[in-house]
Amino acid sequence: MSRKQKDYKYHYTYRITNIIEKKYYYGVHSCNCLPKEDIGVKYFSSSKNKAFKDDIKENPQNYKYKVVKIFSTRKEALEHEIFLHNKFNVGVNKKFYNESKQGSTNRDTSGLFPARDVDGNIFMISRDDERFISGELVSINKGRKLNFSIEHRANLSKALTGKPKSPEHRLATSLATNTRGKNHPRFKGYYVTPMGTFDSPAALIPIITLTQMKIYCNDCETIITHAAYNKSRFLQLFYEYEEIKDRTYKDLGFWRDYI
């Protein structure tokens, strides 16, 4: 395999067929090798259906794998997975192993937890998801940060450097230094962001205002509008509007956590 092939990242949708039971599974995956050398060879689905995964291991001869379509971006591959899931209504169709449909933001979230890929895309997955086990997706724990590019980090540093701190920000810093999280008498939940998890909505002033932080985290399922983008210093620093116009704040890594 050439160096160019090794360095290139593929994104593809795939179908797994149980040739005995005539049941199917549609999924999406990213890899650095050719997809046909990945699915069914190195990678065996992101399903959280334990019976399905166990049967693949015990009876591999009963399954065949097909690369449905290859894309240049993860977003395009996810959109195609959404199309396939909606087309066959896989969440309720008994001919499919999929236990939920991929939606425009995340999968059904019952019993799942948030995780991210190397590009910062957010997914809701189970602990036994193959993408989590393989390391393709990693848990977003308190204090974890996305892998922002050097340019993004420089923009953030520039935005925060030399700016006067508001009374709210100074108070948040003081509280963080002394008593944090659930131990603080005024604790009302964490504000989870792409840059870390904070006790106070004022923690990222001036890059994200107190009001914006509350909207981003409390109403995280809201689709980002052009008007909201134009008012947000954070969004303008890190994204072009076309990149996020159909996404939610949760897609970018914002939500509330009370645990």
C-alpha atoms as a PDB file:
ATOM      1  CA  MET A   1       0.000   0.000   0.000  1.00  0.00           C
ATOM      2  CA  SER A   2       1.343   3.429  -0.926  1.00  0.00           C
ATOM      3  CA  ARG A   3       2.138   6.125   1.626  1.00  0.00           C
ATOM      4  CA  LYS A   4      -0.641   8.243   0.187  1.00  0.00           C
ATOM      5  CA  GLN A   5      -3.173   5.482   0.850  1.00  0.00           C
ATOM      6  CA  LYS A   6      -1.951   5.036   4.429  1.00  0.00           C
ATOM      7  CA  ASP A   7      -2.265   8.732   5.170  1.00  0.00           C
ATOM      8  CA  TYR A   8      -5.687   9.123   3.562  1.00  0.00           C
ATOM      9  CA  LYS A   9      -8.688   8.754   5.791  1.00  0.00           C
ATOM     10  CA  TYR A  10     -11.713   7.062   4.287  1.00  0.00           C
ATOM     11  CA  HIS A  11     -15.305   7.443   5.483  1.00  0.00           C
ATOM     12  CA  TYR A  12     -17.856   4.901   4.357  1.00  0.00           C
ATOM     13  CA  THR A  13     -21.238   3.336   4.953  1.00  0.00           C
ATOM     14  CA  TYR A  14     -21.523  -0.432   5.055  1.00  0.00           C
ATOM     15  CA  ARG A  15     -24.041  -3.259   5.193  1.00  0.00           C
ATOM     16  CA  ILE A  16     -23.710  -6.536   7.076  1.00  0.00           C
ATOM     17  CA  THR A  17     -25.968  -9.378   5.923  1.00  0.00           C
ATOM     18  CA  ASN A  18     -26.825 -12.537   7.825  1.00  0.00           C
ATOM     19  CA  ILE A  19     -27.186 -14.851   4.843  1.00  0.00           C
ATOM     20  CA  ILE A  20     -29.018 -17.479   6.942  1.00  0.00           C
ATOM     21  CA  GLU A  21     -31.615 -15.296   8.641  1.00  0.00           C
ATOM     22  CA  LYS A  22     -31.727 -12.624   5.908  1.00  0.00           C
ATOM     23  CA  LYS A  23     -31.206  -9.843   8.413  1.00  0.00           C
ATOM     24  CA  TYR A  24     -29.122  -6.717   7.943  1.00  0.00           C
ATOM     25  CA  TYR A  25     -27.161  -4.006   9.694  1.00  0.00           C
ATOM     26  CA  TYR A  26     -26.273  -0.573   8.265  1.00  0.00           C
ATOM     27  CA  GLY A  27     -23.462   1.448   9.800  1.00  0.00           C
ATOM     28  CA  VAL A  28     -20.770   4.032   9.192  1.00  0.00           C
ATOM     29  CA  HIS A  29     -17.041   3.867   9.807  1.00  0.00           C
ATOM     30  CA  SER A  30     -13.778   5.739   9.119  1.00  0.00           C
ATOM     31  CA  CYS A  31     -10.414   4.161   8.451  1.00  0.00           C
ATOM     32  CA  ASN A  32      -6.974   4.790   6.996  1.00  0.00           C
ATOM     33  CA  CYS A  33      -6.957   1.683   4.818  1.00  0.00           C
ATOM     34  CA  LEU A  34      -9.178   0.883   1.859  1.00  0.00           C
ATOM     35  CA  PRO A  35     -12.697   0.204   3.207  1.00  0.00           C
ATOM     36  CA  LYS A  36     -12.856  -3.206   1.520  1.00  0.00           C
ATOM     37  CA  GLU A  37      -9.745  -4.135   3.517  1.00  0.00           C
ATOM     38  CA  ASP A  38     -11.376  -2.873   6.716  1.00  0.00           C
ATOM     39  CA  ILE A  39     -15.001  -3.969   7.042  1.00  0.00           C
ATOM     40  CA  GLY A  40     -15.247  -7.658   7.886  1.00  0.00           C
ATOM     41  CA  VAL A  41     -11.455  -7.870   8.133  1.00  0.00           C
ATOM     42  CA  LYS A  42     -10.378  -5.452  10.860  1.00  0.00           C
ATOM     43  CA  TYR A  43     -13.721  -3.909  11.765  1.00  0.00           C
ATOM     44  CA  PHE A  44     -16.976  -5.743  12.488  1.00  0.00           C
ATOM     45  CA  SER A  45     -19.654  -3.074  13.129  1.00  0.00           C
ATOM     46  CA  SER A  46     -20.510  -0.463  15.747  1.00  0.00           C
ATOM     47  CA  SER A  47     -23.654  -2.293  16.846  1.00  0.00           C
ATOM     48  CA  LYS A  48     -24.578  -2.344  20.541  1.00  0.00           C
ATOM     49  CA  ASN A  49     -26.701  -5.466  19.958  1.00  0.00           C
ATOM     50  CA  LYS A  50     -24.775  -8.015  22.034  1.00  0.00           C
ATOM     51  CA  ALA A  51     -26.522 -11.080  20.580  1.00  0.00           C
ATOM     52  CA  PHE A  52     -25.719  -9.872  17.061  1.00  0.00           C
ATOM     53  CA  LYS A  53     -22.060  -9.210  17.888  1.00  0.00           C
ATOM     54  CA  ASP A  54     -21.658 -12.550  19.673  1.00  0.00           C
ATOM     55  CA  ASP A  55     -23.141 -14.398  16.708  1.00  0.00           C
ATOM     56  CA  ILE A  56     -20.726 -12.675  14.319  1.00  0.00           C
ATOM     57  CA  LYS A  57     -17.846 -13.975  16.432  1.00  0.00           C
ATOM     58  CA  GLU A  58     -19.268 -17.474  16.809  1.00  0.00           C
ATOM     59  CA  ASN A  59     -20.588 -17.917  13.260  1.00  0.00           C
ATOM     60  CA  PRO A  60     -18.552 -15.665  10.938  1.00  0.00           C
ATOM     61  CA  GLN A  61     -19.416 -17.885   7.947  1.00  0.00           C
ATOM     62  CA  ASN A  62     -23.037 -16.696   8.195  1.00  0.00           C
ATOM     63  CA  TYR A  63     -22.191 -13.066   7.478  1.00  0.00           C
ATOM     64  CA  LYS A  64     -21.080 -11.094   4.478  1.00  0.00           C
ATOM     65  CA  TYR A  65     -19.928  -7.473   4.381  1.00  0.00           C
ATOM     66  CA  LYS A  66     -20.447  -4.812   1.740  1.00  0.00           C
ATOM     67  CA  VAL A  67     -19.084  -1.280   1.410  1.00  0.00           C
ATOM     68  CA  VAL A  68     -22.130   0.695   0.317  1.00  0.00           C
ATOM     69  CA  LYS A  69     -20.522   4.058  -0.445  1.00  0.00           C
ATOM     70  CA  ILE A  70     -17.264   5.899   0.239  1.00  0.00           C
ATOM     71  CA  PHE A  71     -17.080   9.600   1.111  1.00  0.00           C
ATOM     72  CA  SER A  72     -14.360  12.197   1.551  1.00  0.00           C
ATOM     73  CA  THR A  73     -15.787  13.506   4.855  1.00  0.00           C
ATOM     74  CA  ARG A  74     -17.292  11.917   7.948  1.00  0.00           C
ATOM     75  CA  LYS A  75     -20.267  14.271   7.751  1.00  0.00           C
ATOM     76  CA  GLU A  76     -21.212  13.034   4.280  1.00  0.00           C
ATOM     77  CA  ALA A  77     -20.926   9.422   5.429  1.00  0.00           C
ATOM     78  CA  LEU A  78     -23.125  10.109   8.461  1.00  0.00           C
ATOM     79  CA  GLU A  79     -25.717  11.803   6.263  1.00  0.00           C
ATOM     80  CA  HIS A  80     -25.804   8.727   4.038  1.00  0.00           C
ATOM     81  CA  GLU A  81     -26.196   6.476   7.084  1.00  0.00           C
ATOM     82  CA  ILE A  82     -29.135   8.648   8.179  1.00  0.00           C
ATOM     83  CA  PHE A  83     -30.655   8.253   4.703  1.00  0.00           C
ATOM     84  CA  LEU A  84     -30.313   4.459   4.833  1.00  0.00           C
ATOM     85  CA  HIS A  85     -31.697   4.236   8.372  1.00  0.00           C
ATOM     86  CA  ASN A  86     -34.714   6.333   7.430  1.00  0.00           C
ATOM     87  CA  LYS A  87     -35.250   4.481   4.156  1.00  0.00           C
ATOM     88  CA  PHE A  88     -35.504   1.101   5.896  1.00  0.00           C
ATOM     89  CA  ASN A  89     -36.802   2.421   9.248  1.00  0.00           C
ATOM     90  CA  VAL A  90     -34.168   0.281  10.933  1.00  0.00           C
ATOM     91  CA  GLY A  91     -35.143   1.209  14.492  1.00  0.00           C
ATOM     92  CA  VAL A  92     -38.370  -0.824  14.288  1.00  0.00           C
ATOM     93  CA  ASN A  93     -37.866  -3.011  11.205  1.00  0.00           C
ATOM     94  CA  LYS A  94     -37.395  -6.581  12.418  1.00  0.00           C
ATOM     95  CA  LYS A  95     -35.196  -7.367   9.404  1.00  0.00           C
ATOM     96  CA  PHE A  96     -32.460  -5.160  10.827  1.00  0.00           C
ATOM     97  CA  TYR A  97     -30.125  -5.537  13.784  1.00  0.00           C
ATOM     98  CA  ASN A  98     -29.960  -1.762  14.300  1.00  0.00           C
ATOM     99  CA  GLU A  99     -31.647  -0.932  17.604  1.00  0.00           C
ATOM    100  CA  SER A 100     -32.025   2.764  16.835  1.00  0.00           C
ATOM    101  CA  LYS A 101     -31.820   5.119  13.896  1.00  0.00           C
ATOM    102  CA  GLN A 102     -29.008   7.566  13.355  1.00  0.00           C
ATOM    103  CA  GLY A 103     -30.606  11.010  13.626  1.00  0.00           C
ATOM    104  CA  SER A 104     -29.575  14.479  12.487  1.00  0.00           C
ATOM    105  CA  THR A 105     -27.755  14.953  15.793  1.00  0.00           C
ATOM    106  CA  ASN A 106     -27.245  11.811  17.848  1.00  0.00           C
ATOM    107  CA  ARG A 107     -28.635   8.321  18.266  1.00  0.00           C
ATOM    108  CA  ASP A 108     -31.362   7.595  20.786  1.00  0.00           C
ATOM    109  CA  THR A 109     -29.710   8.432  24.065  1.00  0.00           C
ATOM    110  CA  SER A 110     -31.237   5.996  26.538  1.00  0.00           C
ATOM    111  CA  GLY A 111     -28.402   4.249  28.374  1.00  0.00           C
ATOM    112  CA  LEU A 112     -25.728   5.911  26.254  1.00  0.00           C
ATOM    113  CA  PHE A 113     -22.933   8.388  26.955  1.00  0.00           C
ATOM    114  CA  PRO A 114     -21.292  11.121  24.847  1.00  0.00           C
ATOM    115  CA  ALA A 115     -18.067  10.409  22.982  1.00  0.00           C
ATOM    116  CA  ARG A 116     -16.059  12.192  20.299  1.00  0.00           C
ATOM    117  CA  ASP A 117     -13.868  11.313  17.332  1.00  0.00           C
ATOM    118  CA  VAL A 118     -10.563  12.944  16.358  1.00  0.00           C
ATOM    119  CA  ASP A 119     -12.425  15.656  14.415  1.00  0.00           C
ATOM    120  CA  GLY A 120     -14.451  16.672  17.460  1.00  0.00           C
ATOM    121  CA  ASN A 121     -17.739  15.182  16.215  1.00  0.00           C
ATOM    122  CA  ILE A 122     -19.971  14.120  19.109  1.00  0.00           C
ATOM    123  CA  PHE A 123     -21.802  10.763  19.265  1.00  0.00           C
ATOM    124  CA  MET A 124     -23.961   9.009  21.835  1.00  0.00           C
ATOM    125  CA  ILE A 125     -22.701   5.438  22.248  1.00  0.00           C
ATOM    126  CA  SER A 126     -22.823   2.458  24.590  1.00  0.00           C
ATOM    127  CA  ARG A 127     -19.832   1.202  26.565  1.00  0.00           C
ATOM    128  CA  ASP A 128     -19.543  -1.862  24.335  1.00  0.00           C
ATOM    129  CA  ASP A 129     -19.574   0.091  21.072  1.00  0.00           C
ATOM    130  CA  GLU A 130     -16.724  -1.229  18.897  1.00  0.00           C
ATOM    131  CA  ARG A 131     -15.703   2.340  18.028  1.00  0.00           C
ATOM    132  CA  PHE A 132     -15.178   3.036  21.736  1.00  0.00           C
ATOM    133  CA  ILE A 133     -13.384  -0.256  22.353  1.00  0.00           C
ATOM    134  CA  SER A 134     -11.054   0.318  19.387  1.00  0.00           C
ATOM    135  CA  GLY A 135     -10.270   3.891  20.429  1.00  0.00           C
ATOM    136  CA  GLU A 136     -11.856   5.512  17.383  1.00  0.00           C
ATOM    137  CA  LEU A 137     -14.213   7.316  19.767  1.00  0.00           C
ATOM    138  CA  VAL A 138     -13.193   8.494  23.220  1.00  0.00           C
ATOM    139  CA  SER A 139     -15.308   9.467  26.196  1.00  0.00           C
ATOM    140  CA  ILE A 140     -15.857  13.143  26.911  1.00  0.00           C
ATOM    141  CA  ASN A 141     -15.054  13.225  30.609  1.00  0.00           C
ATOM    142  CA  LYS A 142     -14.970  16.250  32.842  1.00  0.00           C
ATOM    143  CA  GLY A 143     -12.003  18.400  31.971  1.00  0.00           C
ATOM    144  CA  ARG A 144     -11.325  16.677  28.615  1.00  0.00           C
ATOM    145  CA  LYS A 145     -10.774  18.934  25.624  1.00  0.00           C
ATOM    146  CA  LEU A 146     -11.255  18.523  21.900  1.00  0.00           C
ATOM    147  CA  ASN A 147      -8.220  18.311  19.638  1.00  0.00           C
ATOM    148  CA  PHE A 148      -8.408  21.857  18.356  1.00  0.00           C
ATOM    149  CA  SER A 149      -5.942  22.749  15.638  1.00  0.00           C
ATOM    150  CA  ILE A 150      -2.951  24.970  16.403  1.00  0.00           C
ATOM    151  CA  GLU A 151      -4.738  27.820  14.637  1.00  0.00           C
ATOM    152  CA  HIS A 152      -7.863  27.336  16.750  1.00  0.00           C
ATOM    153  CA  ARG A 153      -5.848  27.283  19.963  1.00  0.00           C
ATOM    154  CA  ALA A 154      -4.031  30.456  18.877  1.00  0.00           C
ATOM    155  CA  ASN A 155      -7.361  32.161  18.165  1.00  0.00           C
ATOM    156  CA  LEU A 156      -8.709  31.195  21.566  1.00  0.00           C
ATOM    157  CA  SER A 157      -5.557  32.349  23.331  1.00  0.00           C
ATOM    158  CA  LYS A 158      -5.650  35.660  21.480  1.00  0.00           C
ATOM    159  CA  ALA A 159      -9.315  36.138  22.317  1.00  0.00           C
ATOM    160  CA  LEU A 160      -8.761  35.566  26.023  1.00  0.00           C
ATOM    161  CA  THR A 161      -5.433  37.377  26.445  1.00  0.00           C
ATOM    162  CA  GLY A 162      -5.476  40.861  27.915  1.00  0.00           C
ATOM    163  CA  LYS A 163      -9.248  40.978  28.360  1.00  0.00           C
ATOM    164  CA  PRO A 164     -10.627  42.437  31.593  1.00  0.00           C
ATOM    165  CA  LYS A 165     -12.385  39.874  33.750  1.00  0.00           C
ATOM    166  CA  SER A 166     -16.002  40.533  34.651  1.00  0.00           C
ATOM    167  CA  PRO A 167     -17.168  40.274  38.284  1.00  0.00           C
ATOM    168  CA  GLU A 168     -18.928  37.036  37.324  1.00  0.00           C
ATOM    169  CA  HIS A 169     -15.733  35.600  35.869  1.00  0.00           C
ATOM    170  CA  ARG A 170     -13.675  36.576  38.914  1.00  0.00           C
ATOM    171  CA  LEU A 171     -16.298  34.981  41.157  1.00  0.00           C
ATOM    172  CA  ALA A 172     -16.255  31.793  39.057  1.00  0.00           C
ATOM    173  CA  THR A 173     -12.467  31.626  39.297  1.00  0.00           C
ATOM    174  CA  SER A 174     -12.610  32.127  43.055  1.00  0.00           C
ATOM    175  CA  LEU A 175     -15.210  29.403  43.479  1.00  0.00           C
ATOM    176  CA  ALA A 176     -13.225  27.029  41.286  1.00  0.00           C
ATOM    177  CA  THR A 177     -10.128  27.632  43.417  1.00  0.00           C
ATOM    178  CA  ASN A 178     -11.833  27.000  46.727  1.00  0.00           C
ATOM    179  CA  THR A 179     -14.891  24.768  46.469  1.00  0.00           C
ATOM    180  CA  ARG A 180     -15.894  23.106  43.214  1.00  0.00           C
ATOM    181  CA  GLY A 181     -18.702  21.002  41.789  1.00  0.00           C
ATOM    182  CA  LYS A 182     -21.227  19.234  43.989  1.00  0.00           C
ATOM    183  CA  ASN A 183     -19.426  20.365  47.143  1.00  0.00           C
ATOM    184  CA  HIS A 184     -20.391  23.967  46.521  1.00  0.00           C
ATOM    185  CA  PRO A 185     -23.711  24.992  48.111  1.00  0.00           C
ATOM    186  CA  ARG A 186     -24.831  26.771  44.939  1.00  0.00           C
ATOM    187  CA  PHE A 187     -23.965  23.906  42.594  1.00  0.00           C
ATOM    188  CA  LYS A 188     -26.569  23.623  39.791  1.00  0.00           C
ATOM    189  CA  GLY A 189     -24.828  21.281  37.397  1.00  0.00           C
ATOM    190  CA  TYR A 190     -21.798  21.376  35.108  1.00  0.00           C
ATOM    191  CA  TYR A 191     -21.525  23.248  31.849  1.00  0.00           C
ATOM    192  CA  VAL A 192     -19.880  20.852  29.395  1.00  0.00           C
ATOM    193  CA  THR A 193     -18.088  22.578  26.503  1.00  0.00           C
ATOM    194  CA  PRO A 194     -15.556  21.625  23.795  1.00  0.00           C
ATOM    195  CA  MET A 195     -12.898  23.337  25.942  1.00  0.00           C
ATOM    196  CA  GLY A 196     -13.642  21.567  29.193  1.00  0.00           C
ATOM    197  CA  THR A 197     -16.288  21.241  31.913  1.00  0.00           C
ATOM    198  CA  PHE A 198     -17.079  24.144  34.235  1.00  0.00           C
ATOM    199  CA  ASP A 199     -19.195  24.875  37.307  1.00  0.00           C
ATOM    200  CA  SER A 200     -20.142  28.372  36.188  1.00  0.00           C
ATOM    201  CA  PRO A 201     -21.700  29.690  32.955  1.00  0.00           C
ATOM    202  CA  ALA A 202     -19.330  32.662  33.293  1.00  0.00           C
ATOM    203  CA  ALA A 203     -16.215  30.499  33.040  1.00  0.00           C
ATOM    204  CA  LEU A 204     -15.372  31.368  29.422  1.00  0.00           C
ATOM    205  CA  ILE A 205     -16.127  35.088  29.430  1.00  0.00           C
ATOM    206  CA  PRO A 206     -15.376  36.954  27.145  1.00  0.00           C
ATOM    207  CA  ILE A 207     -15.070  34.279  24.442  1.00  0.00           C
ATOM    208  CA  ILE A 208     -18.516  32.930  25.415  1.00  0.00           C
ATOM    209  CA  THR A 209     -20.814  35.212  27.361  1.00  0.00           C
ATOM    210  CA  LEU A 210     -22.764  34.042  30.386  1.00  0.00           C
ATOM    211  CA  THR A 211     -26.036  34.198  28.421  1.00  0.00           C
ATOM    212  CA  GLN A 212     -24.585  32.337  25.462  1.00  0.00           C
ATOM    213  CA  MET A 213     -23.182  29.594  27.703  1.00  0.00           C
ATOM    214  CA  LYS A 214     -26.614  29.032  29.243  1.00  0.00           C
ATOM    215  CA  ILE A 215     -28.247  28.843  25.818  1.00  0.00           C
ATOM    216  CA  TYR A 216     -25.582  26.547  24.362  1.00  0.00           C
ATOM    217  CA  CYS A 217     -25.732  24.111  27.284  1.00  0.00           C
ATOM    218  CA  ASN A 218     -29.338  24.329  28.475  1.00  0.00           C
ATOM    219  CA  ASP A 219     -30.816  24.346  24.961  1.00  0.00           C
ATOM    220  CA  CYS A 220     -28.140  22.156  23.414  1.00  0.00           C
ATOM    221  CA  GLU A 221     -30.539  20.438  20.966  1.00  0.00           C
ATOM    222  CA  THR A 222     -31.276  23.770  19.267  1.00  0.00           C
ATOM    223  CA  ILE A 223     -30.183  24.105  15.625  1.00  0.00           C
ATOM    224  CA  ILE A 224     -27.594  26.895  15.272  1.00  0.00           C
ATOM    225  CA  THR A 225     -29.060  29.797  13.313  1.00  0.00           C
ATOM    226  CA  HIS A 226     -27.223  32.354  11.224  1.00  0.00           C
ATOM    227  CA  ALA A 227     -28.307  35.074  13.656  1.00  0.00           C
ATOM    228  CA  ALA A 228     -26.844  33.144  16.597  1.00  0.00           C
ATOM    229  CA  TYR A 229     -23.641  32.596  14.640  1.00  0.00           C
ATOM    230  CA  ASN A 230     -23.280  36.307  13.896  1.00  0.00           C
ATOM    231  CA  LYS A 231     -23.604  37.126  17.601  1.00  0.00           C
ATOM    232  CA  SER A 232     -21.127  34.513  18.767  1.00  0.00           C
ATOM    233  CA  ARG A 233     -17.442  35.313  19.018  1.00  0.00           C
ATOM    234  CA  PHE A 234     -16.689  31.650  19.768  1.00  0.00           C
ATOM    235  CA  LEU A 235     -18.504  30.304  16.708  1.00  0.00           C
ATOM    236  CA  GLN A 236     -16.943  32.870  14.383  1.00  0.00           C
ATOM    237  CA  LEU A 237     -13.450  32.103  15.677  1.00  0.00           C
ATOM    238  CA  PHE A 238     -13.664  28.366  15.201  1.00  0.00           C
ATOM    239  CA  TYR A 239     -16.121  27.727  12.395  1.00  0.00           C
ATOM    240  CA  GLU A 240     -17.431  28.942   9.071  1.00  0.00           C
ATOM    241  CA  TYR A 241     -21.213  29.109   9.212  1.00  0.00           C
ATOM    242  CA  GLU A 242     -21.582  26.593   6.382  1.00  0.00           C
ATOM    243  CA  GLU A 243     -19.812  24.003   8.560  1.00  0.00           C
ATOM    244  CA  ILE A 244     -22.390  24.186  11.350  1.00  0.00           C
ATOM    245  CA  LYS A 245     -25.603  25.594   9.898  1.00  0.00           C
ATOM    246  CA  ASP A 246     -27.516  22.303  10.245  1.00  0.00           C
ATOM    247  CA  ARG A 247     -25.915  21.254  13.520  1.00  0.00           C
ATOM    248  CA  THR A 248     -26.902  21.711  17.146  1.00  0.00           C
ATOM    249  CA  TYR A 249     -24.862  23.055  20.045  1.00  0.00           C
ATOM    250  CA  LYS A 250     -24.697  19.490  21.334  1.00  0.00           C
ATOM    251  CA  ASP A 251     -23.039  18.459  18.067  1.00  0.00           C
ATOM    252  CA  LEU A 252     -20.267  20.919  18.907  1.00  0.00           C
ATOM    253  CA  GLY A 253     -19.848  19.545  22.431  1.00  0.00           C
ATOM    254  CA  PHE A 254     -22.169  21.641  24.642  1.00  0.00           C
ATOM    255  CA  TRP A 255     -24.648  20.267  27.197  1.00  0.00           C
ATOM    256  CA  ARG A 256     -25.466  20.183  30.918  1.00  0.00           C
ATOM    257  CA  ASP A 257     -24.214  17.428  33.205  1.00  0.00           C
ATOM    258  CA  TYR A 258     -25.608  16.972  36.707  1.00  0.00           C
ATOM    259  CA  ILE A 259     -23.579  13.924  37.699  1.00  0.00           C
END
